[in-house]
Amino acid sequence: MTAKEKAKELFDRFYLNGIKKYSMPYENSVQCALICVDEILENNYGAKFQMIFWQEVKQEINKL
């Protein structure tokens, strides 16, 4: 999975949660996805190459 695909997947889990009337607003969905990635980065989950991947995911989320 590419960083762009992962960014979209994380965003969609908040924004398009399968129940349209309970979907989170766009801006909140972006912020929640960023919080998830920040948590991974701050706690150093994974090897260096994985951290680079998560930094790329964060950049892609910011582009949404």
C-alpha atoms as a PDB file:
ATOM      1  CA  MET A   1       0.000   0.000   0.000  1.00  0.00           C
ATOM      2  CA  THR A   2       1.321   3.434  -0.883  1.00  0.00           C
ATOM      3  CA  ALA A   3       1.411   6.376   1.511  1.00  0.00           C
ATOM      4  CA  LYS A   4      -1.317   8.051  -0.553  1.00  0.00           C
ATOM      5  CA  GLU A   5      -3.557   4.990  -0.330  1.00  0.00           C
ATOM      6  CA  LYS A   6      -2.985   4.698   3.422  1.00  0.00           C
ATOM      7  CA  ALA A   7      -3.779   8.391   3.918  1.00  0.00           C
ATOM      8  CA  LYS A   8      -7.050   7.972   2.025  1.00  0.00           C
ATOM      9  CA  GLU A   9      -7.899   4.820   3.963  1.00  0.00           C
ATOM     10  CA  LEU A  10      -7.376   6.522   7.336  1.00  0.00           C
ATOM     11  CA  PHE A  11      -9.373   9.558   6.266  1.00  0.00           C
ATOM     12  CA  ASP A  12     -12.199   7.393   4.942  1.00  0.00           C
ATOM     13  CA  ARG A  13     -12.438   5.454   8.220  1.00  0.00           C
ATOM     14  CA  PHE A  14     -13.524   8.671   9.897  1.00  0.00           C
ATOM     15  CA  TYR A  15     -15.319  10.467   7.065  1.00  0.00           C
ATOM     16  CA  LEU A  16     -17.055   7.557   5.336  1.00  0.00           C
ATOM     17  CA  ASN A  17     -17.697   5.219   8.206  1.00  0.00           C
ATOM     18  CA  GLY A  18     -20.439   3.378   6.332  1.00  0.00           C
ATOM     19  CA  ILE A  19     -23.301   5.234   7.994  1.00  0.00           C
ATOM     20  CA  LYS A  20     -23.657   8.480   6.087  1.00  0.00           C
ATOM     21  CA  LYS A  21     -25.846  10.286   8.602  1.00  0.00           C
ATOM     22  CA  TYR A  22     -23.226   9.656  11.307  1.00  0.00           C
ATOM     23  CA  SER A  23     -20.206  10.634   9.215  1.00  0.00           C
ATOM     24  CA  MET A  24     -17.743  13.060  10.746  1.00  0.00           C
ATOM     25  CA  PRO A  25     -17.251  16.484   9.122  1.00  0.00           C
ATOM     26  CA  TYR A  26     -14.434  16.682   6.562  1.00  0.00           C
ATOM     27  CA  GLU A  27     -12.118  18.874   8.656  1.00  0.00           C
ATOM     28  CA  ASN A  28     -12.569  16.700  11.737  1.00  0.00           C
ATOM     29  CA  SER A  29     -11.849  13.578   9.691  1.00  0.00           C
ATOM     30  CA  VAL A  30      -8.561  15.048   8.480  1.00  0.00           C
ATOM     31  CA  GLN A  31      -7.586  16.045  12.018  1.00  0.00           C
ATOM     32  CA  CYS A  32      -8.398  12.603  13.426  1.00  0.00           C
ATOM     33  CA  ALA A  33      -6.352  10.873  10.723  1.00  0.00           C
ATOM     34  CA  LEU A  34      -3.444  13.218  11.494  1.00  0.00           C
ATOM     35  CA  ILE A  35      -3.740  12.445  15.207  1.00  0.00           C
ATOM     36  CA  CYS A  36      -3.457   8.726  14.438  1.00  0.00           C
ATOM     37  CA  VAL A  37      -0.306   9.241  12.389  1.00  0.00           C
ATOM     38  CA  ASP A  38       1.192  11.606  14.965  1.00  0.00           C
ATOM     39  CA  GLU A  39       0.638   8.984  17.648  1.00  0.00           C
ATOM     40  CA  ILE A  40       2.558   6.434  15.589  1.00  0.00           C
ATOM     41  CA  LEU A  41       5.382   8.883  14.892  1.00  0.00           C
ATOM     42  CA  GLU A  42       5.668  10.141  18.477  1.00  0.00           C
ATOM     43  CA  ASN A  43       5.827   6.662  19.943  1.00  0.00           C
ATOM     44  CA  ASN A  44       8.304   5.336  17.358  1.00  0.00           C
ATOM     45  CA  TYR A  45       6.280   2.298  16.407  1.00  0.00           C
ATOM     46  CA  GLY A  46       8.425   0.518  13.872  1.00  0.00           C
ATOM     47  CA  ALA A  47      11.744   0.680  12.092  1.00  0.00           C
ATOM     48  CA  LYS A  48      13.185   3.780  10.439  1.00  0.00           C
ATOM     49  CA  PHE A  49      11.815   2.891   6.985  1.00  0.00           C
ATOM     50  CA  GLN A  50       8.358   2.568   8.536  1.00  0.00           C
ATOM     51  CA  MET A  51       8.684   5.982  10.146  1.00  0.00           C
ATOM     52  CA  ILE A  52       9.500   7.471   6.740  1.00  0.00           C
ATOM     53  CA  PHE A  53       6.364   5.818   5.372  1.00  0.00           C
ATOM     54  CA  TRP A  54       4.215   7.354   8.143  1.00  0.00           C
ATOM     55  CA  GLN A  55       5.735  10.783   7.517  1.00  0.00           C
ATOM     56  CA  GLU A  56       4.724  10.397   3.875  1.00  0.00           C
ATOM     57  CA  VAL A  57       1.218   9.349   4.959  1.00  0.00           C
ATOM     58  CA  LYS A  58       0.979  12.519   7.051  1.00  0.00           C
ATOM     59  CA  GLN A  59       1.996  14.628   4.037  1.00  0.00           C
ATOM     60  CA  GLU A  60      -0.670  12.930   1.931  1.00  0.00           C
ATOM     61  CA  ILE A  61      -3.362  13.507   4.567  1.00  0.00           C
ATOM     62  CA  ASN A  62      -2.454  17.195   4.594  1.00  0.00           C
ATOM     63  CA  LYS A  63      -3.044  17.255   0.824  1.00  0.00           C
ATOM     64  CA  LEU A  64      -6.616  15.956   1.163  1.00  0.00           C
END
